Amino acid sequence: MDNEALKQKVIDVLQTIFDPEIPVSIWELGLVYEVNILPINNVQIVMTLTAPSCPAAQSLPVEVDQKVREIEGVNDVHVAVTWTPAWDKSMMSEAAQLQLGFL
């Protein structure tokens, strides 16, 4: 499987992970800043959370790690949580903004 195909599979999985407080996937919310496929099918994900005090701060990165590891062909996963840049509503997809009544 090439890097682009694997990256798409990772994105597909990220679209199934939801912020526990908001009925929208972390992908649509714009919480995932980077998905990198490194040599030997190692996946690096840089993500943020809606707020440092978010109750999901402990569980969401773990859930991302576990679900991405289940993808066939993935060798290893590294999930990094960053607060730079800080997340804001403008990072959400139009679909997410529409669903949450921001549009």
PDB file of N, CA and C in Angstrom:
ATOM      1  N   MET A   1       0.856  -1.183   0.000  1.00  0.00           N
ATOM      2  CA  MET A   1       0.000   0.000   0.000  1.00  0.00           C
ATOM      3  C   MET A   1       0.898   1.241   0.000  1.00  0.00           C
ATOM      4  N   ASP A   2       0.591   2.198  -0.882  1.00  0.00           N
ATOM      5  CA  ASP A   2       1.436   3.389  -0.918  1.00  0.00           C
ATOM      6  C   ASP A   2       1.035   4.377   0.181  1.00  0.00           C
ATOM      7  N   ASN A   3       1.879   5.378   0.361  1.00  0.00           N
ATOM      8  CA  ASN A   3       1.667   6.337   1.448  1.00  0.00           C
ATOM      9  C   ASN A   3       0.342   7.071   1.346  1.00  0.00           C
ATOM     10  N   GLU A   4      -0.045   7.451   0.118  1.00  0.00           N
ATOM     11  CA  GLU A   4      -1.305   8.187  -0.042  1.00  0.00           C
ATOM     12  C   GLU A   4      -2.501   7.321   0.330  1.00  0.00           C
ATOM     13  N   ALA A   5      -2.472   6.058  -0.073  1.00  0.00           N
ATOM     14  CA  ALA A   5      -3.576   5.147   0.256  1.00  0.00           C
ATOM     15  C   ALA A   5      -3.656   4.936   1.764  1.00  0.00           C
ATOM     16  N   LEU A   6      -2.495   4.783   2.398  1.00  0.00           N
ATOM     17  CA  LEU A   6      -2.477   4.595   3.849  1.00  0.00           C
ATOM     18  C   LEU A   6      -2.955   5.861   4.553  1.00  0.00           C
ATOM     19  N   LYS A   7      -2.519   7.005   4.066  1.00  0.00           N
ATOM     20  CA  LYS A   7      -2.947   8.277   4.661  1.00  0.00           C
ATOM     21  C   LYS A   7      -4.467   8.408   4.570  1.00  0.00           C
ATOM     22  N   GLN A   8      -5.051   8.031   3.431  1.00  0.00           N
ATOM     23  CA  GLN A   8      -6.502   8.116   3.274  1.00  0.00           C
ATOM     24  C   GLN A   8      -7.204   7.183   4.255  1.00  0.00           C
ATOM     25  N   LYS A   9      -6.631   5.992   4.464  1.00  0.00           N
ATOM     26  CA  LYS A   9      -7.218   5.072   5.441  1.00  0.00           C
ATOM     27  C   LYS A   9      -7.182   5.665   6.844  1.00  0.00           C
ATOM     28  N   VAL A  10      -6.070   6.321   7.170  1.00  0.00           N
ATOM     29  CA  VAL A  10      -5.946   6.971   8.482  1.00  0.00           C
ATOM     30  C   VAL A  10      -7.012   8.062   8.614  1.00  0.00           C
ATOM     31  N   ILE A  11      -7.172   8.881   7.579  1.00  0.00           N
ATOM     32  CA  ILE A  11      -8.186   9.945   7.606  1.00  0.00           C
ATOM     33  C   ILE A  11      -9.582   9.346   7.751  1.00  0.00           C
ATOM     34  N   ASP A  12      -9.842   8.249   7.045  1.00  0.00           N
ATOM     35  CA  ASP A  12     -11.155   7.584   7.156  1.00  0.00           C
ATOM     36  C   ASP A  12     -11.420   7.179   8.602  1.00  0.00           C
ATOM     37  N   VAL A  13     -10.398   6.648   9.279  1.00  0.00           N
ATOM     38  CA  VAL A  13     -10.550   6.240  10.678  1.00  0.00           C
ATOM     39  C   VAL A  13     -10.761   7.468  11.569  1.00  0.00           C
ATOM     40  N   LEU A  14     -10.012   8.543  11.309  1.00  0.00           N
ATOM     41  CA  LEU A  14     -10.151   9.758  12.115  1.00  0.00           C
ATOM     42  C   LEU A  14     -11.567  10.331  12.013  1.00  0.00           C
ATOM     43  N   GLN A  15     -12.223  10.088  10.879  1.00  0.00           N
ATOM     44  CA  GLN A  15     -13.598  10.581  10.704  1.00  0.00           C
ATOM     45  C   GLN A  15     -14.607   9.771  11.519  1.00  0.00           C
ATOM     46  N   THR A  16     -14.152   8.686  12.154  1.00  0.00           N
ATOM     47  CA  THR A  16     -15.057   7.884  12.988  1.00  0.00           C
ATOM     48  C   THR A  16     -14.848   8.162  14.474  1.00  0.00           C
ATOM     49  N   ILE A  17     -13.933   9.069  14.801  1.00  0.00           N
ATOM     50  CA  ILE A  17     -13.635   9.394  16.202  1.00  0.00           C
ATOM     51  C   ILE A  17     -14.270  10.740  16.520  1.00  0.00           C
ATOM     52  N   PHE A  18     -15.082  10.741  17.573  1.00  0.00           N
ATOM     53  CA  PHE A  18     -15.850  11.935  17.896  1.00  0.00           C
ATOM     54  C   PHE A  18     -15.418  12.548  19.222  1.00  0.00           C
ATOM     55  N   ASP A  19     -15.434  13.874  19.265  1.00  0.00           N
ATOM     56  CA  ASP A  19     -15.236  14.582  20.524  1.00  0.00           C
ATOM     57  C   ASP A  19     -16.435  14.220  21.392  1.00  0.00           C
ATOM     58  N   PRO A  20     -16.214  13.782  22.646  1.00  0.00           N
ATOM     59  CA  PRO A  20     -17.349  13.334  23.470  1.00  0.00           C
ATOM     60  C   PRO A  20     -18.377  14.425  23.754  1.00  0.00           C
ATOM     61  N   GLU A  21     -17.984  15.682  23.647  1.00  0.00           N
ATOM     62  CA  GLU A  21     -18.914  16.767  23.969  1.00  0.00           C
ATOM     63  C   GLU A  21     -19.608  17.335  22.743  1.00  0.00           C
ATOM     64  N   ILE A  22     -19.087  17.007  21.554  1.00  0.00           N
ATOM     65  CA  ILE A  22     -19.623  17.590  20.314  1.00  0.00           C
ATOM     66  C   ILE A  22     -19.872  16.444  19.338  1.00  0.00           C
ATOM     67  N   PRO A  23     -21.066  16.340  18.767  1.00  0.00           N
ATOM     68  CA  PRO A  23     -21.389  15.206  17.897  1.00  0.00           C
ATOM     69  C   PRO A  23     -20.792  15.321  16.491  1.00  0.00           C
ATOM     70  N   VAL A  24     -19.517  15.682  16.427  1.00  0.00           N
ATOM     71  CA  VAL A  24     -18.836  15.868  15.152  1.00  0.00           C
ATOM     72  C   VAL A  24     -17.474  15.188  15.267  1.00  0.00           C
ATOM     73  N   SER A  25     -16.993  14.591  14.178  1.00  0.00           N
ATOM     74  CA  SER A  25     -15.706  13.894  14.235  1.00  0.00           C
ATOM     75  C   SER A  25     -14.560  14.874  14.458  1.00  0.00           C
ATOM     76  N   ILE A  26     -13.468  14.359  15.029  1.00  0.00           N
ATOM     77  CA  ILE A  26     -12.305  15.213  15.282  1.00  0.00           C
ATOM     78  C   ILE A  26     -11.727  15.732  13.971  1.00  0.00           C
ATOM     79  N   TRP A  27     -11.921  14.972  12.870  1.00  0.00           N
ATOM     80  CA  TRP A  27     -11.442  15.420  11.558  1.00  0.00           C
ATOM     81  C   TRP A  27     -12.245  16.635  11.099  1.00  0.00           C
ATOM     82  N   GLU A  28     -13.584  16.535  11.170  1.00  0.00           N
ATOM     83  CA  GLU A  28     -14.448  17.645  10.741  1.00  0.00           C
ATOM     84  C   GLU A  28     -14.277  18.866  11.647  1.00  0.00           C
ATOM     85  N   LEU A  29     -13.965  18.622  12.922  1.00  0.00           N
ATOM     86  CA  LEU A  29     -13.751  19.740  13.841  1.00  0.00           C
ATOM     87  C   LEU A  29     -12.442  20.477  13.549  1.00  0.00           C
ATOM     88  N   GLY A  30     -11.574  19.843  12.772  1.00  0.00           N
ATOM     89  CA  GLY A  30     -10.292  20.478  12.483  1.00  0.00           C
ATOM     90  C   GLY A  30      -9.271  20.273  13.597  1.00  0.00           C
ATOM     91  N   LEU A  31      -9.484  19.262  14.435  1.00  0.00           N
ATOM     92  CA  LEU A  31      -8.567  19.008  15.548  1.00  0.00           C
ATOM     93  C   LEU A  31      -7.293  18.304  15.096  1.00  0.00           C
ATOM     94  N   VAL A  32      -7.319  17.707  13.902  1.00  0.00           N
ATOM     95  CA  VAL A  32      -6.136  17.019  13.389  1.00  0.00           C
ATOM     96  C   VAL A  32      -5.390  17.993  12.485  1.00  0.00           C
ATOM     97  N   TYR A  33      -4.176  18.364  12.887  1.00  0.00           N
ATOM     98  CA  TYR A  33      -3.380  19.318  12.122  1.00  0.00           C
ATOM     99  C   TYR A  33      -2.544  18.634  11.052  1.00  0.00           C
ATOM    100  N   GLU A  34      -2.010  17.455  11.360  1.00  0.00           N
ATOM    101  CA  GLU A  34      -1.137  16.768  10.409  1.00  0.00           C
ATOM    102  C   GLU A  34      -1.334  15.265  10.484  1.00  0.00           C
ATOM    103  N   VAL A  35      -1.268  14.622   9.329  1.00  0.00           N
ATOM    104  CA  VAL A  35      -1.181  13.162   9.238  1.00  0.00           C
ATOM    105  C   VAL A  35       0.010  12.895   8.329  1.00  0.00           C
ATOM    106  N   ASN A  36       1.053  12.322   8.896  1.00  0.00           N
ATOM    107  CA  ASN A  36       2.260  12.039   8.126  1.00  0.00           C
ATOM    108  C   ASN A  36       2.511  10.539   8.107  1.00  0.00           C
ATOM    109  N   ILE A  37       2.809  10.033   6.927  1.00  0.00           N
ATOM    110  CA  ILE A  37       3.198   8.634   6.792  1.00  0.00           C
ATOM    111  C   ILE A  37       4.718   8.632   6.640  1.00  0.00           C
ATOM    112  N   LEU A  38       5.394   8.075   7.617  1.00  0.00           N
ATOM    113  CA  LEU A  38       6.848   8.036   7.629  1.00  0.00           C
ATOM    114  C   LEU A  38       7.306   6.671   7.110  1.00  0.00           C
ATOM    115  N   PRO A  39       8.612   6.517   6.856  1.00  0.00           N
ATOM    116  CA  PRO A  39       9.099   5.228   6.344  1.00  0.00           C
ATOM    117  C   PRO A  39       8.639   4.038   7.183  1.00  0.00           C
ATOM    118  N   ILE A  40       8.471   2.936   6.505  1.00  0.00           N
ATOM    119  CA  ILE A  40       8.017   1.656   7.062  1.00  0.00           C
ATOM    120  C   ILE A  40       6.613   1.777   7.671  1.00  0.00           C
ATOM    121  N   ASN A  41       5.777   2.594   7.041  1.00  0.00           N
ATOM    122  CA  ASN A  41       4.372   2.728   7.448  1.00  0.00           C
ATOM    123  C   ASN A  41       4.178   3.138   8.904  1.00  0.00           C
ATOM    124  N   ASN A  42       5.044   4.019   9.374  1.00  0.00           N
ATOM    125  CA  ASN A  42       4.835   4.624  10.689  1.00  0.00           C
ATOM    126  C   ASN A  42       3.965   5.854  10.481  1.00  0.00           C
ATOM    127  N   VAL A  43       2.957   6.012  11.323  1.00  0.00           N
ATOM    128  CA  VAL A  43       2.009   7.113  11.180  1.00  0.00           C
ATOM    129  C   VAL A  43       2.248   8.122  12.299  1.00  0.00           C
ATOM    130  N   GLN A  44       2.408   9.371  11.900  1.00  0.00           N
ATOM    131  CA  GLN A  44       2.562  10.442  12.876  1.00  0.00           C
ATOM    132  C   GLN A  44       1.364  11.370  12.736  1.00  0.00           C
ATOM    133  N   ILE A  45       0.694  11.611  13.844  1.00  0.00           N
ATOM    134  CA  ILE A  45      -0.481  12.480  13.844  1.00  0.00           C
ATOM    135  C   ILE A  45      -0.229  13.614  14.821  1.00  0.00           C
ATOM    136  N   VAL A  46      -0.429  14.841  14.342  1.00  0.00           N
ATOM    137  CA  VAL A  46      -0.342  16.005  15.211  1.00  0.00           C
ATOM    138  C   VAL A  46      -1.766  16.535  15.339  1.00  0.00           C
ATOM    139  N   MET A  47      -2.231  16.603  16.571  1.00  0.00           N
ATOM    140  CA  MET A  47      -3.616  17.029  16.796  1.00  0.00           C
ATOM    141  C   MET A  47      -3.681  17.967  17.995  1.00  0.00           C
ATOM    142  N   THR A  48      -4.832  18.564  18.149  1.00  0.00           N
ATOM    143  CA  THR A  48      -5.082  19.412  19.299  1.00  0.00           C
ATOM    144  C   THR A  48      -6.435  19.024  19.879  1.00  0.00           C
ATOM    145  N   LEU A  49      -6.858  19.718  20.897  1.00  0.00           N
ATOM    146  CA  LEU A  49      -8.169  19.502  21.503  1.00  0.00           C
ATOM    147  C   LEU A  49      -8.863  20.860  21.546  1.00  0.00           C
ATOM    148  N   THR A  50     -10.151  20.850  21.785  1.00  0.00           N
ATOM    149  CA  THR A  50     -10.880  22.121  21.751  1.00  0.00           C
ATOM    150  C   THR A  50     -10.426  23.062  22.863  1.00  0.00           C
ATOM    151  N   ALA A  51      -9.951  22.502  23.985  1.00  0.00           N
ATOM    152  CA  ALA A  51      -9.457  23.314  25.103  1.00  0.00           C
ATOM    153  C   ALA A  51      -8.546  22.458  25.973  1.00  0.00           C
ATOM    154  N   PRO A  52      -7.531  23.071  26.605  1.00  0.00           N
ATOM    155  CA  PRO A  52      -6.633  22.298  27.466  1.00  0.00           C
ATOM    156  C   PRO A  52      -7.377  21.568  28.588  1.00  0.00           C
ATOM    157  N   SER A  53      -8.491  22.128  29.017  1.00  0.00           N
ATOM    158  CA  SER A  53      -9.251  21.508  30.100  1.00  0.00           C
ATOM    159  C   SER A  53     -10.286  20.507  29.590  1.00  0.00           C
ATOM    160  N   CYS A  54     -10.278  20.263  28.285  1.00  0.00           N
ATOM    161  CA  CYS A  54     -11.228  19.334  27.670  1.00  0.00           C
ATOM    162  C   CYS A  54     -11.177  17.989  28.385  1.00  0.00           C
ATOM    163  N   PRO A  55     -12.341  17.453  28.791  1.00  0.00           N
ATOM    164  CA  PRO A  55     -12.368  16.159  29.483  1.00  0.00           C
ATOM    165  C   PRO A  55     -11.757  15.032  28.642  1.00  0.00           C
ATOM    166  N   ALA A  56     -11.732  15.215  27.344  1.00  0.00           N
ATOM    167  CA  ALA A  56     -11.202  14.177  26.460  1.00  0.00           C
ATOM    168  C   ALA A  56      -9.688  14.281  26.284  1.00  0.00           C
ATOM    169  N   ALA A  57      -9.055  15.210  26.985  1.00  0.00           N
ATOM    170  CA  ALA A  57      -7.620  15.433  26.813  1.00  0.00           C
ATOM    171  C   ALA A  57      -6.813  14.163  27.037  1.00  0.00           C
ATOM    172  N   GLN A  58      -7.253  13.326  27.957  1.00  0.00           N
ATOM    173  CA  GLN A  58      -6.542  12.082  28.213  1.00  0.00           C
ATOM    174  C   GLN A  58      -6.987  10.970  27.271  1.00  0.00           C
ATOM    175  N   SER A  59      -8.281  10.888  26.994  1.00  0.00           N
ATOM    176  CA  SER A  59      -8.810   9.740  26.255  1.00  0.00           C
ATOM    177  C   SER A  59      -8.735   9.867  24.734  1.00  0.00           C
ATOM    178  N   LEU A  60      -8.890  11.062  24.194  1.00  0.00           N
ATOM    179  CA  LEU A  60      -8.959  11.220  22.739  1.00  0.00           C
ATOM    180  C   LEU A  60      -7.657  10.829  22.028  1.00  0.00           C
ATOM    181  N   PRO A  61      -6.485  11.312  22.472  1.00  0.00           N
ATOM    182  CA  PRO A  61      -5.248  10.879  21.799  1.00  0.00           C
ATOM    183  C   PRO A  61      -5.035   9.364  21.896  1.00  0.00           C
ATOM    184  N   VAL A  62      -5.428   8.769  23.005  1.00  0.00           N
ATOM    185  CA  VAL A  62      -5.300   7.311  23.171  1.00  0.00           C
ATOM    186  C   VAL A  62      -6.218   6.595  22.195  1.00  0.00           C
ATOM    187  N   GLU A  63      -7.443   7.099  22.047  1.00  0.00           N
ATOM    188  CA  GLU A  63      -8.396   6.495  21.105  1.00  0.00           C
ATOM    189  C   GLU A  63      -7.872   6.608  19.680  1.00  0.00           C
ATOM    190  N   VAL A  64      -7.310   7.765  19.320  1.00  0.00           N
ATOM    191  CA  VAL A  64      -6.731   7.958  17.985  1.00  0.00           C
ATOM    192  C   VAL A  64      -5.622   6.937  17.765  1.00  0.00           C
ATOM    193  N   ASP A  65      -4.726   6.814  18.725  1.00  0.00           N
ATOM    194  CA  ASP A  65      -3.607   5.864  18.636  1.00  0.00           C
ATOM    195  C   ASP A  65      -4.126   4.440  18.422  1.00  0.00           C
ATOM    196  N   GLN A  66      -5.065   4.023  19.260  1.00  0.00           N
ATOM    197  CA  GLN A  66      -5.571   2.650  19.196  1.00  0.00           C
ATOM    198  C   GLN A  66      -6.260   2.350  17.871  1.00  0.00           C
ATOM    199  N   LYS A  67      -7.102   3.264  17.401  1.00  0.00           N
ATOM    200  CA  LYS A  67      -7.853   3.007  16.171  1.00  0.00           C
ATOM    201  C   LYS A  67      -6.950   3.021  14.942  1.00  0.00           C
ATOM    202  N   VAL A  68      -5.950   3.903  14.919  1.00  0.00           N
ATOM    203  CA  VAL A  68      -5.048   3.961  13.770  1.00  0.00           C
ATOM    204  C   VAL A  68      -4.164   2.711  13.743  1.00  0.00           C
ATOM    205  N   ARG A  69      -3.773   2.218  14.909  1.00  0.00           N
ATOM    206  CA  ARG A  69      -2.962   0.992  14.981  1.00  0.00           C
ATOM    207  C   ARG A  69      -3.688  -0.214  14.377  1.00  0.00           C
ATOM    208  N   GLU A  70      -5.019  -0.176  14.394  1.00  0.00           N
ATOM    209  CA  GLU A  70      -5.810  -1.301  13.884  1.00  0.00           C
ATOM    210  C   GLU A  70      -5.842  -1.355  12.355  1.00  0.00           C
ATOM    211  N   ILE A  71      -5.391  -0.299  11.689  1.00  0.00           N
ATOM    212  CA  ILE A  71      -5.406  -0.269  10.224  1.00  0.00           C
ATOM    213  C   ILE A  71      -4.362  -1.247   9.704  1.00  0.00           C
ATOM    214  N   GLU A  72      -4.785  -2.072   8.781  1.00  0.00           N
ATOM    215  CA  GLU A  72      -3.873  -3.046   8.190  1.00  0.00           C
ATOM    216  C   GLU A  72      -2.706  -2.334   7.515  1.00  0.00           C
ATOM    217  N   GLY A  73      -1.498  -2.776   7.808  1.00  0.00           N
ATOM    218  CA  GLY A  73      -0.313  -2.197   7.191  1.00  0.00           C
ATOM    219  C   GLY A  73       0.389  -1.158   8.044  1.00  0.00           C
ATOM    220  N   VAL A  74      -0.274  -0.661   9.090  1.00  0.00           N
ATOM    221  CA  VAL A  74       0.370   0.337   9.949  1.00  0.00           C
ATOM    222  C   VAL A  74       1.385  -0.362  10.847  1.00  0.00           C
ATOM    223  N   ASN A  75       2.595   0.173  10.872  1.00  0.00           N
ATOM    224  CA  ASN A  75       3.657  -0.399  11.685  1.00  0.00           C
ATOM    225  C   ASN A  75       3.646   0.184  13.103  1.00  0.00           C
ATOM    226  N   ASP A  76       3.653   1.515  13.199  1.00  0.00           N
ATOM    227  CA  ASP A  76       3.679   2.170  14.500  1.00  0.00           C
ATOM    228  C   ASP A  76       2.936   3.491  14.386  1.00  0.00           C
ATOM    229  N   VAL A  77       2.494   4.014  15.534  1.00  0.00           N
ATOM    230  CA  VAL A  77       1.715   5.257  15.549  1.00  0.00           C
ATOM    231  C   VAL A  77       2.290   6.176  16.623  1.00  0.00           C
ATOM    232  N   HIS A  78       2.406   7.440  16.278  1.00  0.00           N
ATOM    233  CA  HIS A  78       2.811   8.440  17.266  1.00  0.00           C
ATOM    234  C   HIS A  78       1.806   9.583  17.183  1.00  0.00           C
ATOM    235  N   VAL A  79       1.112   9.829  18.290  1.00  0.00           N
ATOM    236  CA  VAL A  79       0.136  10.920  18.348  1.00  0.00           C
ATOM    237  C   VAL A  79       0.720  12.018  19.224  1.00  0.00           C
ATOM    238  N   ALA A  80       0.903  13.187  18.648  1.00  0.00           N
ATOM    239  CA  ALA A  80       1.413  14.332  19.397  1.00  0.00           C
ATOM    240  C   ALA A  80       0.285  15.340  19.565  1.00  0.00           C
ATOM    241  N   VAL A  81       0.094  15.798  20.800  1.00  0.00           N
ATOM    242  CA  VAL A  81      -0.917  16.826  21.064  1.00  0.00           C
ATOM    243  C   VAL A  81      -0.189  18.160  21.171  1.00  0.00           C
ATOM    244  N   THR A  82      -0.685  19.131  20.433  1.00  0.00           N
ATOM    245  CA  THR A  82      -0.078  20.463  20.450  1.00  0.00           C
ATOM    246  C   THR A  82      -1.146  21.504  20.787  1.00  0.00           C
ATOM    247  N   TRP A  83      -0.718  22.607  21.330  1.00  0.00           N
ATOM    248  CA  TRP A  83      -1.650  23.714  21.599  1.00  0.00           C
ATOM    249  C   TRP A  83      -1.333  24.904  20.695  1.00  0.00           C
ATOM    250  N   THR A  84      -0.424  24.703  19.723  1.00  0.00           N
ATOM    251  CA  THR A  84      -0.038  25.772  18.808  1.00  0.00           C
ATOM    252  C   THR A  84      -0.240  25.304  17.376  1.00  0.00           C
ATOM    253  N   PRO A  85      -1.038  25.930  16.557  1.00  0.00           N
ATOM    254  CA  PRO A  85      -1.874  27.065  16.960  1.00  0.00           C
ATOM    255  C   PRO A  85      -3.067  26.588  17.788  1.00  0.00           C
ATOM    256  N   ALA A  86      -3.575  27.475  18.590  1.00  0.00           N
ATOM    257  CA  ALA A  86      -4.751  27.143  19.402  1.00  0.00           C
ATOM    258  C   ALA A  86      -5.940  26.904  18.479  1.00  0.00           C
ATOM    259  N   TRP A  87      -6.746  25.907  18.810  1.00  0.00           N
ATOM    260  CA  TRP A  87      -7.918  25.598  17.997  1.00  0.00           C
ATOM    261  C   TRP A  87      -8.966  26.688  18.148  1.00  0.00           C
ATOM    262  N   ASP A  88      -9.645  26.996  17.063  1.00  0.00           N
ATOM    263  CA  ASP A  88     -10.839  27.844  17.159  1.00  0.00           C
ATOM    264  C   ASP A  88     -11.863  27.371  16.128  1.00  0.00           C
ATOM    265  N   LYS A  89     -13.050  27.911  16.227  1.00  0.00           N
ATOM    266  CA  LYS A  89     -14.172  27.430  15.405  1.00  0.00           C
ATOM    267  C   LYS A  89     -13.915  27.561  13.911  1.00  0.00           C
ATOM    268  N   SER A  90     -13.044  28.461  13.504  1.00  0.00           N
ATOM    269  CA  SER A  90     -12.792  28.656  12.074  1.00  0.00           C
ATOM    270  C   SER A  90     -12.089  27.449  11.450  1.00  0.00           C
ATOM    271  N   MET A  91     -11.532  26.559  12.273  1.00  0.00           N
ATOM    272  CA  MET A  91     -10.832  25.383  11.762  1.00  0.00           C
ATOM    273  C   MET A  91     -11.783  24.244  11.400  1.00  0.00           C
ATOM    274  N   MET A  92     -13.036  24.395  11.792  1.00  0.00           N
ATOM    275  CA  MET A  92     -14.011  23.343  11.498  1.00  0.00           C
ATOM    276  C   MET A  92     -14.375  23.362  10.024  1.00  0.00           C
ATOM    277  N   SER A  93     -14.731  22.190   9.497  1.00  0.00           N
ATOM    278  CA  SER A  93     -15.214  22.128   8.120  1.00  0.00           C
ATOM    279  C   SER A  93     -16.564  22.832   8.045  1.00  0.00           C
ATOM    280  N   GLU A  94     -16.959  23.184   6.828  1.00  0.00           N
ATOM    281  CA  GLU A  94     -18.277  23.810   6.658  1.00  0.00           C
ATOM    282  C   GLU A  94     -19.380  22.905   7.160  1.00  0.00           C
ATOM    283  N   ALA A  95     -19.228  21.591   6.909  1.00  0.00           N
ATOM    284  CA  ALA A  95     -20.256  20.632   7.344  1.00  0.00           C
ATOM    285  C   ALA A  95     -20.389  20.674   8.864  1.00  0.00           C
ATOM    286  N   ALA A  96     -19.251  20.724   9.568  1.00  0.00           N
ATOM    287  CA  ALA A  96     -19.298  20.763  11.036  1.00  0.00           C
ATOM    288  C   ALA A  96     -19.920  22.065  11.523  1.00  0.00           C
ATOM    289  N   GLN A  97     -19.536  23.188  10.884  1.00  0.00           N
ATOM    290  CA  GLN A  97     -20.107  24.481  11.294  1.00  0.00           C
ATOM    291  C   GLN A  97     -21.607  24.511  11.066  1.00  0.00           C
ATOM    292  N   LEU A  98     -22.027  23.926   9.945  1.00  0.00           N
ATOM    293  CA  LEU A  98     -23.453  23.872   9.634  1.00  0.00           C
ATOM    294  C   LEU A  98     -24.183  23.002  10.664  1.00  0.00           C
ATOM    295  N   GLN A  99     -23.621  21.831  10.960  1.00  0.00           N
ATOM    296  CA  GLN A  99     -24.235  20.897  11.894  1.00  0.00           C
ATOM    297  C   GLN A  99     -24.368  21.501  13.282  1.00  0.00           C
ATOM    298  N   LEU A 100     -23.385  22.317  13.678  1.00  0.00           N
ATOM    299  CA  LEU A 100     -23.404  22.909  15.019  1.00  0.00           C
ATOM    300  C   LEU A 100     -24.066  24.281  15.054  1.00  0.00           C
ATOM    301  N   GLY A 101     -24.600  24.716  13.904  1.00  0.00           N
ATOM    302  CA  GLY A 101     -25.342  25.969  13.852  1.00  0.00           C
ATOM    303  C   GLY A 101     -24.501  27.221  13.812  1.00  0.00           C
ATOM    304  N   PHE A 102     -23.240  27.104  13.350  1.00  0.00           N
ATOM    305  CA  PHE A 102     -22.384  28.278  13.253  1.00  0.00           C
ATOM    306  C   PHE A 102     -22.511  28.972  11.893  1.00  0.00           C
ATOM    307  N   LEU A 103     -23.200  28.347  10.943  1.00  0.00           N
ATOM    308  CA  LEU A 103     -23.356  28.958   9.613  1.00  0.00           C
ATOM    309  C   LEU A 103     -24.816  29.300   9.381  1.00  0.00           C
TER     310      LEU A 103
END
